[in-house]
Protein backbone atom coordinates (compact mmCIF):
# COMPACT_ATOMS: atom_id res chain seq x y z
CA MET A 1 11.32 1.70 -14.37
CA ASP A 2 12.41 4.75 -12.46
CA PHE A 3 9.95 6.48 -10.27
CA PRO A 4 10.73 9.84 -9.36
CA LEU A 5 10.05 11.38 -6.06
CA ARG A 6 8.10 14.54 -6.02
CA GLN A 7 5.57 16.49 -3.38
CA ALA A 8 2.27 15.10 -4.42
CA GLU A 9 -0.30 17.65 -6.43
CA PRO A 10 -3.85 17.47 -6.25
CA ARG A 11 -3.96 15.22 -9.64
CA ASP A 12 -2.09 12.66 -7.45
CA HIS A 13 -4.78 12.39 -4.75
CA PRO A 14 -7.39 9.52 -6.36
CA HIS A 15 -4.14 7.46 -7.03
CA LEU A 16 -2.97 7.09 -3.15
CA SER A 17 -5.99 5.14 -1.39
CA PRO A 18 -5.86 2.72 -4.11
CA ILE A 19 -2.01 2.05 -3.15
CA GLU A 20 -2.49 1.94 0.41
CA GLU A 21 -5.71 -0.60 -0.35
CA SER A 22 -2.98 -2.63 -2.67
CA ALA A 23 -0.15 -2.48 0.29
CA ASP A 24 -2.51 -3.47 2.66
CA GLY A 25 -3.42 -6.49 0.98
CA LEU A 26 -0.21 -7.62 1.53
CA PHE A 27 -0.69 -8.08 5.47
CA HIS A 28 -3.52 -10.46 4.84
CA PRO A 29 -1.47 -13.71 4.44
CA LEU A 30 0.12 -12.39 8.13
CA GLY A 31 -3.82 -12.36 9.09
CA ILE A 32 -3.84 -8.71 9.74
CA VAL A 33 -7.01 -7.11 7.83
CA PHE A 34 -7.41 -3.98 8.67
CA PRO A 35 -10.52 -2.35 10.38
CA SER A 36 -12.91 -0.74 7.92
CA GLY A 37 -12.86 3.25 7.97
CA PRO A 38 -11.23 5.79 5.98
CA ALA A 39 -7.75 4.95 4.42
CA VAL A 40 -5.17 6.89 6.40
CA ILE A 41 -4.14 9.01 3.56
CA GLU A 42 -7.83 10.11 3.22
CA GLN A 43 -7.33 11.29 6.74
CA MET A 44 -4.29 13.01 5.85
CA LEU A 45 -5.15 14.90 2.83
CA GLY A 46 -6.22 18.74 3.96
CA SER A 47 -4.48 18.03 7.57
CA GLY A 48 -1.27 19.75 6.26
CA ALA A 49 0.72 16.70 6.21
CA GLU A 50 3.58 16.80 3.73
CA ILE A 51 3.19 13.94 1.19
CA LEU A 52 5.23 12.71 -1.23
CA VAL A 53 4.97 10.59 -4.27
CA ALA A 54 6.83 7.89 -6.69
CA GLY A 55 6.36 7.85 -10.01
CA ASP A 56 3.80 9.83 -12.13
CA PRO A 57 1.18 8.34 -11.58
CA PRO A 58 2.13 7.45 -7.90
CA VAL A 59 2.76 3.75 -7.25
CA ALA A 60 3.90 4.70 -3.49
CA TYR A 61 3.68 7.53 -1.06
CA THR A 62 4.72 8.68 2.34
CA ALA A 63 2.80 11.20 4.66
CA THR A 64 4.44 12.62 7.53
CA GLN A 65 3.46 15.37 9.90
CA VAL A 66 5.18 17.29 12.96
CA VAL A 67 4.19 15.17 16.07
CA ASP A 68 5.91 17.21 19.36
CA GLY A 69 8.29 18.97 17.46
CA LEU A 70 9.78 15.59 15.72
CA THR A 71 8.85 14.47 11.98
CA HIS A 72 6.20 11.72 12.31
CA LEU A 73 5.76 9.09 9.57
CA GLU A 74 2.38 9.00 9.67
CA GLN A 75 2.26 6.29 6.48
CA ILE A 76 4.41 5.03 3.72
CA SER A 77 2.52 2.87 1.10
CA VAL A 78 3.82 1.12 -1.78
CA HIS A 79 1.52 -0.69 -4.28
CA ALA A 80 1.89 -4.62 -4.35
CA ASP A 81 2.85 -4.42 -7.71
CA HIS A 82 5.81 -2.28 -7.05
CA VAL A 83 7.27 -3.73 -4.00
CA ARG A 84 11.10 -5.00 -3.15
CA GLN A 85 12.10 -2.54 -6.16
CA GLY A 86 13.70 -0.31 -3.59
CA ILE A 87 10.95 2.23 -3.52
CA GLY A 88 9.99 2.53 -0.12
CA THR A 89 13.72 3.18 0.80
CA ARG A 90 14.22 5.78 -1.13
CA LEU A 91 10.72 7.30 -0.06
CA LEU A 92 12.19 7.14 3.50
CA ASP A 93 15.54 8.59 2.75
CA ALA A 94 13.31 11.50 1.34
CA VAL A 95 12.14 11.95 4.36
CA VAL A 96 14.67 11.60 6.58
CA ALA A 97 16.68 14.29 4.25
CA ARG A 98 13.62 16.75 4.54
CA ALA A 99 13.12 16.16 8.12
CA ALA A 100 16.97 16.82 8.71
CA GLU A 101 16.83 20.32 6.40
CA ALA A 102 13.85 21.73 8.09
CA GLY A 103 15.99 20.79 11.57
CA SER A 104 13.59 18.11 12.76
CA PRO A 105 15.66 16.16 15.66
CA ALA A 106 14.03 13.24 15.09
CA VAL A 107 11.88 10.78 12.74
CA THR A 108 9.40 9.06 14.90
CA LEU A 109 6.70 6.04 13.39
CA LEU A 110 4.25 3.75 15.05
CA THR A 111 4.92 0.16 13.12
CA PHE A 112 4.05 -3.91 13.41
CA ARG A 113 6.82 -4.80 15.46
CA ASP A 114 6.97 -8.52 14.15
CA VAL A 115 5.92 -7.66 10.47
CA PRO A 116 9.07 -8.23 8.52
CA TRP A 117 8.66 -5.29 6.20
CA ASN A 118 7.69 -3.05 9.22
CA ALA A 119 9.63 -2.66 12.59
CA PRO A 120 12.66 -5.16 11.05
CA TRP A 121 13.07 -3.07 8.01
CA TYR A 122 12.50 0.15 9.82
CA ALA A 123 15.39 -0.86 11.95
CA ARG A 124 17.72 -1.89 8.93
CA GLN A 125 17.16 1.95 8.20
CA GLY A 126 18.59 3.46 11.29
CA PHE A 127 15.34 3.12 13.68
CA ALA A 128 15.26 1.89 17.04
CA GLU A 129 12.43 1.30 19.67
CA PHE A 130 11.67 4.75 21.18
CA PRO A 131 11.56 4.39 24.64
CA ARG A 132 8.11 5.24 26.35
CA GLU A 133 9.20 7.79 28.66
CA ARG A 134 10.40 10.05 25.94
CA TRP A 135 7.37 10.10 24.18
CA GLY A 136 5.61 13.64 23.92
CA PRO A 137 1.82 14.03 24.13
CA GLY A 138 1.35 14.04 20.59
CA LEU A 139 3.05 10.56 20.37
CA ARG A 140 0.58 8.86 23.09
CA ARG A 141 -2.17 10.55 21.46
CA TYR A 142 -1.52 8.69 18.49
CA TRP A 143 -0.62 5.54 20.17
CA GLU A 144 -4.06 5.68 21.63
CA ALA A 145 -6.28 6.42 18.84
CA GLU A 146 -4.43 2.94 17.13
CA ILE A 147 -5.39 1.03 20.43
CA LYS A 148 -8.99 2.22 20.06
CA ALA A 149 -9.19 1.86 16.33
CA GLY A 150 -8.32 -1.61 16.92
CA LEU A 151 -4.62 -1.86 15.51
CA HIS A 152 -3.21 -3.04 18.57
CA GLU A 153 -5.07 -6.54 18.16
CA LEU A 154 -3.80 -6.96 14.98
CA GLY A 155 -0.33 -7.68 16.21
CA PRO A 156 2.52 -5.79 18.92
CA ARG A 157 2.79 -2.23 17.65
CA VAL A 158 5.94 -0.42 18.28
CA ALA A 159 7.11 3.29 18.45
CA MET A 160 10.40 3.69 16.94
CA TYR A 161 12.50 6.78 15.69
CA ARG A 162 15.67 7.81 13.95
CA GLU A 163 17.82 10.77 15.20
CA LEU A 164 19.01 12.62 12.09
CA GLY A 165 22.79 12.58 11.73
CA GLN A 166 22.56 8.75 12.80
CA ALA A 167 24.31 6.38 10.05
CA ARG A 168 22.25 3.36 9.06
CA ALA A 169 22.91 0.40 10.58
């Protein structure tokens, strides 16, 4: 089944938190249970984040913001019923293309180092570990917020980036 990518519309918003909740459930077998609180997407709606969705109604989404002059991928979620179909890769490719079109020199993100569909997957998509000495103040604030939210207690985290124009590995 084809899930066209498009800019999220207000009618999509009720579908986004359930997608994130479903995707978060994939972490449970690894012993990762996210702290209670609002879904990441709920925090992104109305914040100026760019939200792309796949499908109508959506089965996956991305949320990006500009942080330190770079496109920051805040969240990518694919509903558990639709993983391993290439939807996440298509969404990530769209994020990278939009960032390049906007003149962003790179895309950054924070993720779990050892979860197979996190840092190892991003590495296959051309991302590398982002050296801490190159972080701007915005990314440092994101990192500290993750620590305060308890994410770093769930497993090792890593900042990653992909310089635009870099070929995929």
